C-alpha atoms as a PDB file:
ATOM      1  CA  UNK A   1       0.077   0.003  -0.057  1.00  0.00           C
ATOM      2  CA  UNK A   2       1.991   2.937  -1.331  1.00  0.00           C
ATOM      3  CA  UNK A   3      -0.666   5.723  -2.108  1.00  0.00           C
ATOM      4  CA  UNK A   4      -3.823   6.940  -0.479  1.00  0.00           C
ATOM      5  CA  UNK A   5      -5.913   5.725  -3.487  1.00  0.00           C
ATOM      6  CA  UNK A   6      -4.828   2.231  -3.038  1.00  0.00           C
ATOM      7  CA  UNK A   7      -5.689   2.498   0.646  1.00  0.00           C
ATOM      8  CA  UNK A   8      -9.211   3.747  -0.297  1.00  0.00           C
ATOM      9  CA  UNK A   9      -9.589   0.685  -2.491  1.00  0.00           C
ATOM     10  CA  UNK A  10      -8.722  -1.512   0.319  1.00  0.00           C
ATOM     11  CA  UNK A  11     -11.241   0.305   2.547  1.00  0.00           C
ATOM     12  CA  UNK A  12     -14.024   0.080  -0.147  1.00  0.00           C
ATOM     13  CA  UNK A  13     -13.369  -3.590  -0.629  1.00  0.00           C
ATOM     14  CA  UNK A  14     -14.136  -4.104   3.139  1.00  0.00           C
ATOM     15  CA  UNK A  15     -17.322  -2.047   2.747  1.00  0.00           C
ATOM     16  CA  UNK A  16     -18.226  -4.112  -0.220  1.00  0.00           C
ATOM     17  CA  UNK A  17     -17.847  -7.316   1.797  1.00  0.00           C
ATOM     18  CA  UNK A  18     -20.347  -5.830   4.390  1.00  0.00           C
ATOM     19  CA  UNK A  19     -22.798  -5.228   1.421  1.00  0.00           C
ATOM     20  CA  UNK A  20     -22.450  -8.747   0.275  1.00  0.00           C
ATOM     21  CA  UNK A  21     -22.935 -10.068   3.819  1.00  0.00           C
ATOM     22  CA  UNK A  22     -26.099  -8.049   4.278  1.00  0.00           C
ATOM     23  CA  UNK A  23     -27.521  -9.591   1.131  1.00  0.00           C
ATOM     24  CA  UNK A  24     -26.419 -13.138   1.947  1.00  0.00           C
ATOM     25  CA  UNK A  25     -29.090 -15.521   2.955  1.00  0.00           C
ATOM     26  CA  UNK A  26     -26.865 -18.566   3.618  1.00  0.00           C
ATOM     27  CA  UNK A  27     -25.384 -18.320   7.191  1.00  0.00           C
ATOM     28  CA  UNK A  28     -21.973 -19.901   6.158  1.00  0.00           C
ATOM     29  CA  UNK A  29     -21.600 -17.429   3.126  1.00  0.00           C
ATOM     30  CA  UNK A  30     -22.459 -14.547   5.548  1.00  0.00           C
ATOM     31  CA  UNK A  31     -19.893 -15.509   7.972  1.00  0.00           C
ATOM     32  CA  UNK A  32     -17.187 -15.723   5.186  1.00  0.00           C
ATOM     33  CA  UNK A  33     -17.977 -12.237   4.031  1.00  0.00           C
ATOM     34  CA  UNK A  34     -17.642 -10.908   7.576  1.00  0.00           C
ATOM     35  CA  UNK A  35     -14.338 -12.805   8.246  1.00  0.00           C
ATOM     36  CA  UNK A  36     -11.109 -10.873   7.572  1.00  0.00           C
ATOM     37  CA  UNK A  37      -7.625 -12.613   7.947  1.00  0.00           C
ATOM     38  CA  UNK A  38      -4.514 -10.370   8.522  1.00  0.00           C
ATOM     39  CA  UNK A  39      -1.226 -12.151   7.884  1.00  0.00           C
ATOM     40  CA  UNK A  40       1.685 -10.650   9.760  1.00  0.00           C
ATOM     41  CA  UNK A  41       1.884  -9.292  13.299  1.00  0.00           C
ATOM     42  CA  UNK A  42       4.393  -6.443  12.723  1.00  0.00           C
ATOM     43  CA  UNK A  43       3.515  -2.787  12.789  1.00  0.00           C
ATOM     44  CA  UNK A  44       1.565  -2.915   9.653  1.00  0.00           C
ATOM     45  CA  UNK A  45      -0.607  -5.851  10.665  1.00  0.00           C
ATOM     46  CA  UNK A  46      -1.289  -4.549  14.090  1.00  0.00           C
ATOM     47  CA  UNK A  47      -2.271  -1.192  12.830  1.00  0.00           C
ATOM     48  CA  UNK A  48      -4.491  -2.421  10.217  1.00  0.00           C
ATOM     49  CA  UNK A  49      -6.125  -4.919  12.363  1.00  0.00           C
ATOM     50  CA  UNK A  50      -6.871  -2.201  14.972  1.00  0.00           C
ATOM     51  CA  UNK A  51      -8.169   0.178  12.335  1.00  0.00           C
ATOM     52  CA  UNK A  52     -10.413  -2.435  10.720  1.00  0.00           C
ATOM     53  CA  UNK A  53     -11.804  -3.331  14.099  1.00  0.00           C
ATOM     54  CA  UNK A  54     -12.760   0.387  14.604  1.00  0.00           C
ATOM     55  CA  UNK A  55     -14.249   0.650  10.952  1.00  0.00           C
ATOM     56  CA  UNK A  56     -16.365  -2.433  11.560  1.00  0.00           C
ATOM     57  CA  UNK A  57     -17.479  -1.227  15.017  1.00  0.00           C
ATOM     58  CA  UNK A  58     -18.488   2.093  13.449  1.00  0.00           C
ATOM     59  CA  UNK A  59     -20.495   0.858  10.452  1.00  0.00           C
ATOM     60  CA  UNK A  60     -22.029  -2.513  11.447  1.00  0.00           C
ATOM     61  CA  UNK A  61     -25.426  -2.196  13.012  1.00  0.00           C
ATOM     62  CA  UNK A  62     -25.712   1.485  12.102  1.00  0.00           C
ATOM     63  CA  UNK A  63     -24.962   1.890   8.264  1.00  0.00           C
ATOM     64  CA  UNK A  64     -25.742  -1.846   8.134  1.00  0.00           C
ATOM     65  CA  UNK A  65     -28.645  -2.711  10.344  1.00  0.00           C
ATOM     66  CA  UNK A  66     -28.868  -6.198   9.064  1.00  0.00           C
ATOM     67  CA  UNK A  67     -25.451  -6.964  10.535  1.00  0.00           C
ATOM     68  CA  UNK A  68     -24.271  -7.240  14.137  1.00  0.00           C
ATOM     69  CA  UNK A  69     -20.917  -6.263  15.172  1.00  0.00           C
ATOM     70  CA  UNK A  70     -20.615  -9.579  16.981  1.00  0.00           C
ATOM     71  CA  UNK A  71     -20.784 -11.435  13.481  1.00  0.00           C
ATOM     72  CA  UNK A  72     -17.615  -9.680  12.265  1.00  0.00           C
ATOM     73  CA  UNK A  73     -14.347 -11.541  12.830  1.00  0.00           C
ATOM     74  CA  UNK A  74     -10.772 -10.457  12.456  1.00  0.00           C
ATOM     75  CA  UNK A  75      -7.969 -12.932  12.776  1.00  0.00           C
ATOM     76  CA  UNK A  76      -4.507 -11.768  13.109  1.00  0.00           C
ATOM     77  CA  UNK A  77      -1.926 -14.470  12.160  1.00  0.00           C
ATOM     78  CA  UNK A  78       1.767 -14.055  13.304  1.00  0.00           C
ATOM     79  CA  UNK A  79       4.382 -16.666  12.740  1.00  0.00           C
ATOM     80  CA  UNK A  80       6.658 -15.745  15.967  1.00  0.00           C
ATOM     81  CA  UNK A  81       5.712 -15.989  19.494  1.00  0.00           C
ATOM     82  CA  UNK A  82       4.543 -12.286  19.876  1.00  0.00           C
ATOM     83  CA  UNK A  83       3.388  -9.244  18.120  1.00  0.00           C
ATOM     84  CA  UNK A  84       5.588  -6.314  17.091  1.00  0.00           C
ATOM     85  CA  UNK A  85       8.890  -8.031  16.957  1.00  0.00           C
ATOM     86  CA  UNK A  86      10.792  -4.669  16.457  1.00  0.00           C
ATOM     87  CA  UNK A  87       9.387  -3.292  19.718  1.00  0.00           C
ATOM     88  CA  UNK A  88       9.976  -4.432  23.404  1.00  0.00           C
ATOM     89  CA  UNK A  89       8.288  -7.615  24.530  1.00  0.00           C
ATOM     90  CA  UNK A  90       6.172  -5.520  27.017  1.00  0.00           C
ATOM     91  CA  UNK A  91       4.823  -3.309  24.271  1.00  0.00           C
ATOM     92  CA  UNK A  92       4.177  -6.308  22.112  1.00  0.00           C
ATOM     93  CA  UNK A  93       2.186  -7.833  24.918  1.00  0.00           C
ATOM     94  CA  UNK A  94       0.185  -4.568  25.395  1.00  0.00           C
ATOM     95  CA  UNK A  95      -0.664  -4.552  21.688  1.00  0.00           C
ATOM     96  CA  UNK A  96      -1.997  -8.131  21.948  1.00  0.00           C
ATOM     97  CA  UNK A  97      -4.143  -7.460  24.902  1.00  0.00           C
ATOM     98  CA  UNK A  98      -5.590  -4.250  23.350  1.00  0.00           C
ATOM     99  CA  UNK A  99      -6.336  -5.953  20.147  1.00  0.00           C
ATOM    100  CA  UNK A 100      -8.058  -8.859  22.024  1.00  0.00           C
ATOM    101  CA  UNK A 101     -10.259  -6.395  23.933  1.00  0.00           C
ATOM    102  CA  UNK A 102     -11.264  -4.807  20.533  1.00  0.00           C
ATOM    103  CA  UNK A 103     -12.348  -8.233  19.307  1.00  0.00           C
ATOM    104  CA  UNK A 104      -9.367  -9.347  17.220  1.00  0.00           C
ATOM    105  CA  UNK A 105      -8.533 -13.026  17.416  1.00  0.00           C
ATOM    106  CA  UNK A 106      -4.729 -13.104  17.683  1.00  0.00           C
ATOM    107  CA  UNK A 107      -3.085 -16.197  16.609  1.00  0.00           C
ATOM    108  CA  UNK A 108       0.716 -16.439  17.514  1.00  0.00           C
ATOM    109  CA  UNK A 109       3.390 -19.164  16.416  1.00  0.00           C
ATOM    110  CA  UNK A 110       0.966 -19.562  13.357  1.00  0.00           C
ATOM    111  CA  UNK A 111       1.487 -19.075   9.744  1.00  0.00           C
ATOM    112  CA  UNK A 112      -0.764 -18.941   6.707  1.00  0.00           C
ATOM    113  CA  UNK A 113       0.089 -21.928   4.676  1.00  0.00           C
ATOM    114  CA  UNK A 114      -2.316 -21.292   1.750  1.00  0.00           C
ATOM    115  CA  UNK A 115      -5.179 -19.400   0.512  1.00  0.00           C
ATOM    116  CA  UNK A 116      -7.957 -20.187  -1.813  1.00  0.00           C
ATOM    117  CA  UNK A 117     -11.155 -18.665  -3.291  1.00  0.00           C
ATOM    118  CA  UNK A 118     -13.217 -19.367  -0.263  1.00  0.00           C
ATOM    119  CA  UNK A 119     -10.815 -20.092   2.700  1.00  0.00           C
ATOM    120  CA  UNK A 120      -7.366 -19.817   4.364  1.00  0.00           C
ATOM    121  CA  UNK A 121      -5.436 -22.766   5.636  1.00  0.00           C
ATOM    122  CA  UNK A 122      -3.220 -22.129   8.715  1.00  0.00           C
ATOM    123  CA  UNK A 123      -0.101 -24.033   9.814  1.00  0.00           C
ATOM    124  CA  UNK A 124      -2.118 -25.637  12.561  1.00  0.00           C
ATOM    125  CA  UNK A 125      -4.204 -27.306  10.039  1.00  0.00           C
ATOM    126  CA  UNK A 126      -7.304 -24.983  10.684  1.00  0.00           C
ATOM    127  CA  UNK A 127      -9.195 -23.870   7.709  1.00  0.00           C
ATOM    128  CA  UNK A 128     -11.004 -20.512   8.031  1.00  0.00           C
ATOM    129  CA  UNK A 129     -13.712 -19.653   5.710  1.00  0.00           C
ATOM    130  CA  UNK A 130     -13.210 -16.130   4.453  1.00  0.00           C
ATOM    131  CA  UNK A 131     -13.310 -13.755   1.508  1.00  0.00           C
ATOM    132  CA  UNK A 132     -10.611 -11.371   2.423  1.00  0.00           C
ATOM    133  CA  UNK A 133      -6.902 -11.941   3.311  1.00  0.00           C
ATOM    134  CA  UNK A 134      -4.750  -8.966   4.095  1.00  0.00           C
ATOM    135  CA  UNK A 135      -0.948  -9.699   3.676  1.00  0.00           C
ATOM    136  CA  UNK A 136       1.324  -7.609   5.827  1.00  0.00           C
ATOM    137  CA  UNK A 137       4.065 -10.276   6.541  1.00  0.00           C
ATOM    138  CA  UNK A 138       6.664  -8.822   4.186  1.00  0.00           C
ATOM    139  CA  UNK A 139       8.035  -9.756   0.832  1.00  0.00           C
ATOM    140  CA  UNK A 140      10.547 -12.028  -0.636  1.00  0.00           C
ATOM    141  CA  UNK A 141      12.814 -10.211  -3.089  1.00  0.00           C
ATOM    142  CA  UNK A 142      13.808 -11.852  -6.393  1.00  0.00           C
ATOM    143  CA  UNK A 143      17.550 -12.392  -7.421  1.00  0.00           C
ATOM    144  CA  UNK A 144      19.013  -9.573  -9.563  1.00  0.00           C
ATOM    145  CA  UNK A 145      18.411 -10.155 -13.374  1.00  0.00           C
ATOM    146  CA  UNK A 146      21.283 -11.837 -14.991  1.00  0.00           C
ATOM    147  CA  UNK A 147      23.015 -12.829 -11.713  1.00  0.00           C
ATOM    148  CA  UNK A 148      23.376 -16.156 -10.025  1.00  0.00           C
ATOM    149  CA  UNK A 149      21.593 -16.797  -6.681  1.00  0.00           C
ATOM    150  CA  UNK A 150      22.757 -14.216  -4.060  1.00  0.00           C
ATOM    151  CA  UNK A 151      23.111 -14.987  -0.447  1.00  0.00           C
ATOM    152  CA  UNK A 152      20.119 -14.545   1.701  1.00  0.00           C
ATOM    153  CA  UNK A 153      19.313 -14.684   5.524  1.00  0.00           C
ATOM    154  CA  UNK A 154      16.827 -17.260   6.988  1.00  0.00           C
ATOM    155  CA  UNK A 155      14.083 -14.708   6.314  1.00  0.00           C
ATOM    156  CA  UNK A 156      14.903 -14.554   2.606  1.00  0.00           C
ATOM    157  CA  UNK A 157      16.192 -10.960   2.798  1.00  0.00           C
ATOM    158  CA  UNK A 158      19.250 -10.277   0.723  1.00  0.00           C
ATOM    159  CA  UNK A 159      22.502 -10.115   2.520  1.00  0.00           C
ATOM    160  CA  UNK A 160      24.321  -6.785   2.035  1.00  0.00           C
ATOM    161  CA  UNK A 161      27.670  -5.215   3.074  1.00  0.00           C
ATOM    162  CA  UNK A 162      28.219  -2.039   4.980  1.00  0.00           C
ATOM    163  CA  UNK A 163      27.342   0.129   1.978  1.00  0.00           C
ATOM    164  CA  UNK A 164      24.196  -1.947   1.251  1.00  0.00           C
ATOM    165  CA  UNK A 165      25.707  -3.629  -1.777  1.00  0.00           C
ATOM    166  CA  UNK A 166      24.768  -7.151  -2.621  1.00  0.00           C
ATOM    167  CA  UNK A 167      27.715  -9.414  -2.560  1.00  0.00           C
ATOM    168  CA  UNK A 168      28.438 -11.085  -5.867  1.00  0.00           C
ATOM    169  CA  UNK A 169      26.241  -8.795  -7.884  1.00  0.00           C
ATOM    170  CA  UNK A 170      28.186  -5.946  -9.294  1.00  0.00           C
ATOM    171  CA  UNK A 171      26.493  -2.597  -9.116  1.00  0.00           C
ATOM    172  CA  UNK A 172      23.485  -3.929  -7.178  1.00  0.00           C
ATOM    173  CA  UNK A 173      22.243  -2.441  -3.964  1.00  0.00           C
ATOM    174  CA  UNK A 174      19.414  -3.665  -1.710  1.00  0.00           C
ATOM    175  CA  UNK A 175      17.428  -1.477   0.715  1.00  0.00           C
ATOM    176  CA  UNK A 176      14.318  -1.620   2.833  1.00  0.00           C
ATOM    177  CA  UNK A 177      12.429  -4.825   3.362  1.00  0.00           C
ATOM    178  CA  UNK A 178      14.705  -6.558   0.842  1.00  0.00           C
ATOM    179  CA  UNK A 179      17.929  -5.991   2.650  1.00  0.00           C
ATOM    180  CA  UNK A 180      19.204  -7.784   5.644  1.00  0.00           C
ATOM    181  CA  UNK A 181      21.279  -4.858   6.952  1.00  0.00           C
ATOM    182  CA  UNK A 182      22.816  -5.412  10.150  1.00  0.00           C
ATOM    183  CA  UNK A 183      21.748  -3.407  13.304  1.00  0.00           C
ATOM    184  CA  UNK A 184      22.690  -3.901  16.883  1.00  0.00           C
ATOM    185  CA  UNK A 185      22.309  -7.562  17.589  1.00  0.00           C
ATOM    186  CA  UNK A 186      19.984  -8.254  14.628  1.00  0.00           C
ATOM    187  CA  UNK A 187      18.780  -6.613  11.457  1.00  0.00           C
ATOM    188  CA  UNK A 188      17.005  -3.409  10.669  1.00  0.00           C
ATOM    189  CA  UNK A 189      13.185  -3.839  10.917  1.00  0.00           C
ATOM    190  CA  UNK A 190      10.919  -3.710   7.947  1.00  0.00           C
ATOM    191  CA  UNK A 191       9.728  -0.165   8.503  1.00  0.00           C
ATOM    192  CA  UNK A 192       9.807   3.040   6.376  1.00  0.00           C
ATOM    193  CA  UNK A 193      12.424   5.059   8.421  1.00  0.00           C
ATOM    194  CA  UNK A 194      15.247   2.502   7.863  1.00  0.00           C
ATOM    195  CA  UNK A 195      14.339   2.340   4.158  1.00  0.00           C
ATOM    196  CA  UNK A 196      14.363   6.158   3.708  1.00  0.00           C
ATOM    197  CA  UNK A 197      17.760   6.516   5.353  1.00  0.00           C
ATOM    198  CA  UNK A 198      19.107   3.536   3.351  1.00  0.00           C
ATOM    199  CA  UNK A 199      17.823   5.189   0.157  1.00  0.00           C
ATOM    200  CA  UNK A 200      19.519   8.399   0.877  1.00  0.00           C
ATOM    201  CA  UNK A 201      22.842   6.580   1.553  1.00  0.00           C
ATOM    202  CA  UNK A 202      22.596   4.491  -1.708  1.00  0.00           C
ATOM    203  CA  UNK A 203      21.751   7.571  -3.761  1.00  0.00           C
ATOM    204  CA  UNK A 204      24.763   9.296  -2.638  1.00  0.00           C
ATOM    205  CA  UNK A 205      26.870   6.438  -3.629  1.00  0.00           C
ATOM    206  CA  UNK A 206      25.287   6.276  -7.034  1.00  0.00           C
ATOM    207  CA  UNK A 207      25.698  10.006  -7.492  1.00  0.00           C
ATOM    208  CA  UNK A 208      29.456   9.778  -6.605  1.00  0.00           C
ATOM    209  CA  UNK A 209      30.069   6.907  -9.002  1.00  0.00           C
ATOM    210  CA  UNK A 210      28.221   8.759 -11.818  1.00  0.00           C
ATOM    211  CA  UNK A 211      30.293  11.885 -11.244  1.00  0.00           C
ATOM    212  CA  UNK A 212      33.478   9.904 -11.096  1.00  0.00           C
ATOM    213  CA  UNK A 213      34.346  10.897  -7.526  1.00  0.00           C
ATOM    214  CA  UNK A 214      36.940   8.686  -5.888  1.00  0.00           C
ATOM    215  CA  UNK A 215      36.041   9.558  -2.334  1.00  0.00           C
ATOM    216  CA  UNK A 216      35.132   6.858   0.091  1.00  0.00           C
ATOM    217  CA  UNK A 217      31.998   7.266   2.047  1.00  0.00           C
ATOM    218  CA  UNK A 218      31.528   6.171   5.559  1.00  0.00           C
ATOM    219  CA  UNK A 219      29.530   2.744   5.968  1.00  0.00           C
ATOM    220  CA  UNK A 220      25.817   3.138   6.415  1.00  0.00           C
ATOM    221  CA  UNK A 221      24.700   3.677  10.001  1.00  0.00           C
ATOM    222  CA  UNK A 222      20.989   3.852  10.985  1.00  0.00           C
ATOM    223  CA  UNK A 223      19.924   6.775  13.263  1.00  0.00           C
ATOM    224  CA  UNK A 224      17.017   5.464  15.341  1.00  0.00           C
ATOM    225  CA  UNK A 225      14.659   8.435  15.939  1.00  0.00           C
ATOM    226  CA  UNK A 226      11.915   6.362  17.480  1.00  0.00           C
ATOM    227  CA  UNK A 227       9.157   3.975  16.287  1.00  0.00           C
ATOM    228  CA  UNK A 228       5.418   3.783  16.966  1.00  0.00           C
ATOM    229  CA  UNK A 229       2.521   1.739  15.988  1.00  0.00           C
ATOM    230  CA  UNK A 230      -1.119   2.936  16.329  1.00  0.00           C
ATOM    231  CA  UNK A 231      -3.513   0.258  17.621  1.00  0.00           C
ATOM    232  CA  UNK A 232      -6.638   2.433  17.430  1.00  0.00           C
ATOM    233  CA  UNK A 233      -8.039   5.691  18.782  1.00  0.00           C
ATOM    234  CA  UNK A 234      -6.374   6.711  22.087  1.00  0.00           C
ATOM    235  CA  UNK A 235      -4.193   3.582  21.939  1.00  0.00           C
ATOM    236  CA  UNK A 236      -0.619   3.235  20.477  1.00  0.00           C
ATOM    237  CA  UNK A 237       2.893   1.963  21.447  1.00  0.00           C
ATOM    238  CA  UNK A 238       5.966   4.029  20.951  1.00  0.00           C
ATOM    239  CA  UNK A 239       9.699   3.653  21.895  1.00  0.00           C
ATOM    240  CA  UNK A 240      12.155   6.488  21.668  1.00  0.00           C
ATOM    241  CA  UNK A 241      15.552   5.331  22.804  1.00  0.00           C
ATOM    242  CA  UNK A 242      15.143   4.028  26.301  1.00  0.00           C
ATOM    243  CA  UNK A 243      11.621   5.602  26.586  1.00  0.00           C
ATOM    244  CA  UNK A 244       8.603   3.211  26.251  1.00  0.00           C
ATOM    245  CA  UNK A 245       5.154   4.562  25.836  1.00  0.00           C
ATOM    246  CA  UNK A 246       1.726   2.892  25.474  1.00  0.00           C
ATOM    247  CA  UNK A 247      -2.023   3.766  25.513  1.00  0.00           C
ATOM    248  CA  UNK A 248      -2.867   7.324  25.217  1.00  0.00           C
ATOM    249  CA  UNK A 249       0.641   8.559  25.822  1.00  0.00           C
ATOM    250  CA  UNK A 250       1.933   6.498  22.840  1.00  0.00           C
ATOM    251  CA  UNK A 251      -0.964   7.791  20.742  1.00  0.00           C
ATOM    252  CA  UNK A 252      -0.139  11.384  21.458  1.00  0.00           C
ATOM    253  CA  UNK A 253       3.543  10.821  20.847  1.00  0.00           C
ATOM    254  CA  UNK A 254       2.786  10.056  17.196  1.00  0.00           C
ATOM    255  CA  UNK A 255       1.117  13.263  16.212  1.00  0.00           C
ATOM    256  CA  UNK A 256       2.879  15.441  13.704  1.00  0.00           C
ATOM    257  CA  UNK A 257       5.770  17.382  15.145  1.00  0.00           C
ATOM    258  CA  UNK A 258       6.561  14.803  17.866  1.00  0.00           C
ATOM    259  CA  UNK A 259      10.100  13.347  17.976  1.00  0.00           C
ATOM    260  CA  UNK A 260       8.849   9.754  17.244  1.00  0.00           C
ATOM    261  CA  UNK A 261       9.075   8.524  13.722  1.00  0.00           C
ATOM    262  CA  UNK A 262       5.832   6.517  13.143  1.00  0.00           C
ATOM    263  CA  UNK A 263       4.608   4.064  10.679  1.00  0.00           C
ATOM    264  CA  UNK A 264       1.330   5.929  10.710  1.00  0.00           C
ATOM    265  CA  UNK A 265       0.133   9.082  12.548  1.00  0.00           C
ATOM    266  CA  UNK A 266      -2.974   8.965  14.786  1.00  0.00           C
ATOM    267  CA  UNK A 267      -5.205  10.372  11.954  1.00  0.00           C
ATOM    268  CA  UNK A 268      -5.556   6.723  10.882  1.00  0.00           C
ATOM    269  CA  UNK A 269      -7.306   6.014  14.135  1.00  0.00           C
ATOM    270  CA  UNK A 270     -10.358   7.611  12.922  1.00  0.00           C
ATOM    271  CA  UNK A 271     -11.632   4.071  12.165  1.00  0.00           C
ATOM    272  CA  UNK A 272     -10.802   4.207   8.399  1.00  0.00           C
ATOM    273  CA  UNK A 273      -7.865   1.816   7.567  1.00  0.00           C
ATOM    274  CA  UNK A 274      -6.506   3.985   4.985  1.00  0.00           C
ATOM    275  CA  UNK A 275      -3.064   4.974   6.125  1.00  0.00           C
ATOM    276  CA  UNK A 276       0.177   2.967   6.254  1.00  0.00           C
ATOM    277  CA  UNK A 277       3.885   3.402   5.660  1.00  0.00           C
ATOM    278  CA  UNK A 278       5.401   0.250   6.951  1.00  0.00           C
ATOM    279  CA  UNK A 279       5.533  -2.894   4.810  1.00  0.00           C
ATOM    280  CA  UNK A 280       3.526  -3.096   1.639  1.00  0.00           C
ATOM    281  CA  UNK A 281      -0.015  -4.400   2.250  1.00  0.00           C
ATOM    282  CA  UNK A 282      -1.767  -6.713  -0.039  1.00  0.00           C
ATOM    283  CA  UNK A 283      -5.495  -7.266   0.084  1.00  0.00           C
ATOM    284  CA  UNK A 284      -6.848 -10.332  -1.833  1.00  0.00           C
ATOM    285  CA  UNK A 285     -10.682 -10.306  -1.883  1.00  0.00           C
ATOM    286  CA  UNK A 286     -12.311 -13.378  -3.478  1.00  0.00           C
ATOM    287  CA  UNK A 287     -15.767 -14.063  -4.243  1.00  0.00           C
ATOM    288  CA  UNK A 288     -18.345 -14.876  -6.990  1.00  0.00           C
ATOM    289  CA  UNK A 289     -17.890 -13.438 -10.545  1.00  0.00           C
ATOM    290  CA  UNK A 290     -20.147 -10.659 -11.328  1.00  0.00           C
ATOM    291  CA  UNK A 291     -21.650 -10.213  -7.943  1.00  0.00           C
ATOM    292  CA  UNK A 292     -18.767  -9.692  -5.566  1.00  0.00           C
ATOM    293  CA  UNK A 293     -16.112  -7.093  -5.000  1.00  0.00           C
ATOM    294  CA  UNK A 294     -13.199  -7.560  -7.324  1.00  0.00           C
ATOM    295  CA  UNK A 295      -9.867  -8.810  -6.063  1.00  0.00           C
ATOM    296  CA  UNK A 296      -7.849  -5.873  -4.901  1.00  0.00           C
ATOM    297  CA  UNK A 297      -4.073  -5.939  -4.889  1.00  0.00           C
ATOM    298  CA  UNK A 298      -2.227  -3.006  -3.316  1.00  0.00           C
ATOM    299  CA  UNK A 299       1.452  -3.921  -2.778  1.00  0.00           C
END
């Protein structure tokens, strides 16, 4: 999800699902239209699940009197043992409890194995009937064209050196989600602030090469200005250096002008899941031809 227009398409797809559910006469089909599976419990997945919960709470029962909010189901699937792996364990636990209170079914240590036209299969063997899957679990980069297979980390991100160059691929750089750039005891998280800083570093290197400058630049170093994730209205988590914020304090820290670099700012907490600047988000909506919302892909 890179542009506001794509986010609006995702929102409109959700509203179309509510329309179809209101018209459905079969209980099973109705449940499928009202079930939304979000794959990936990082900042993007947590923010989208929280915003979607608010959207459904606002419109079900009022704009759609045929529907009860209790019929709506959001399942957030995360492959690791906790949410928000780039945040402290305490903040990740807070995010899980907050989402649970807002009706989100959080599944940890679980992966999406496959998706079909009418359902999703989880690594536990459970099959969930649904018409919408939102993918926020990251992407797998392809190998550079004309190059042999390049080294990858266990998460399939490309290995890079201190200048974000891909070893064995002349003139190829990797940044953002595709790059396994080292940071502290691990790798840089899949968020927009690291990607933007990496992009500026690589742009300077390319500019120097194009101009024929022989100077050697310092290795890339990420400057952590803080990170936040908005769970919903009046609820967010933020960490700025040693400072850890949650709830209303974390939400306020993300307003424009604050020192915290956020994946979204609290304007997205109005209940409309239409903002996001973390990983790309893909929404695959499936249904009957000619009478259902078209599949929407925004990655």
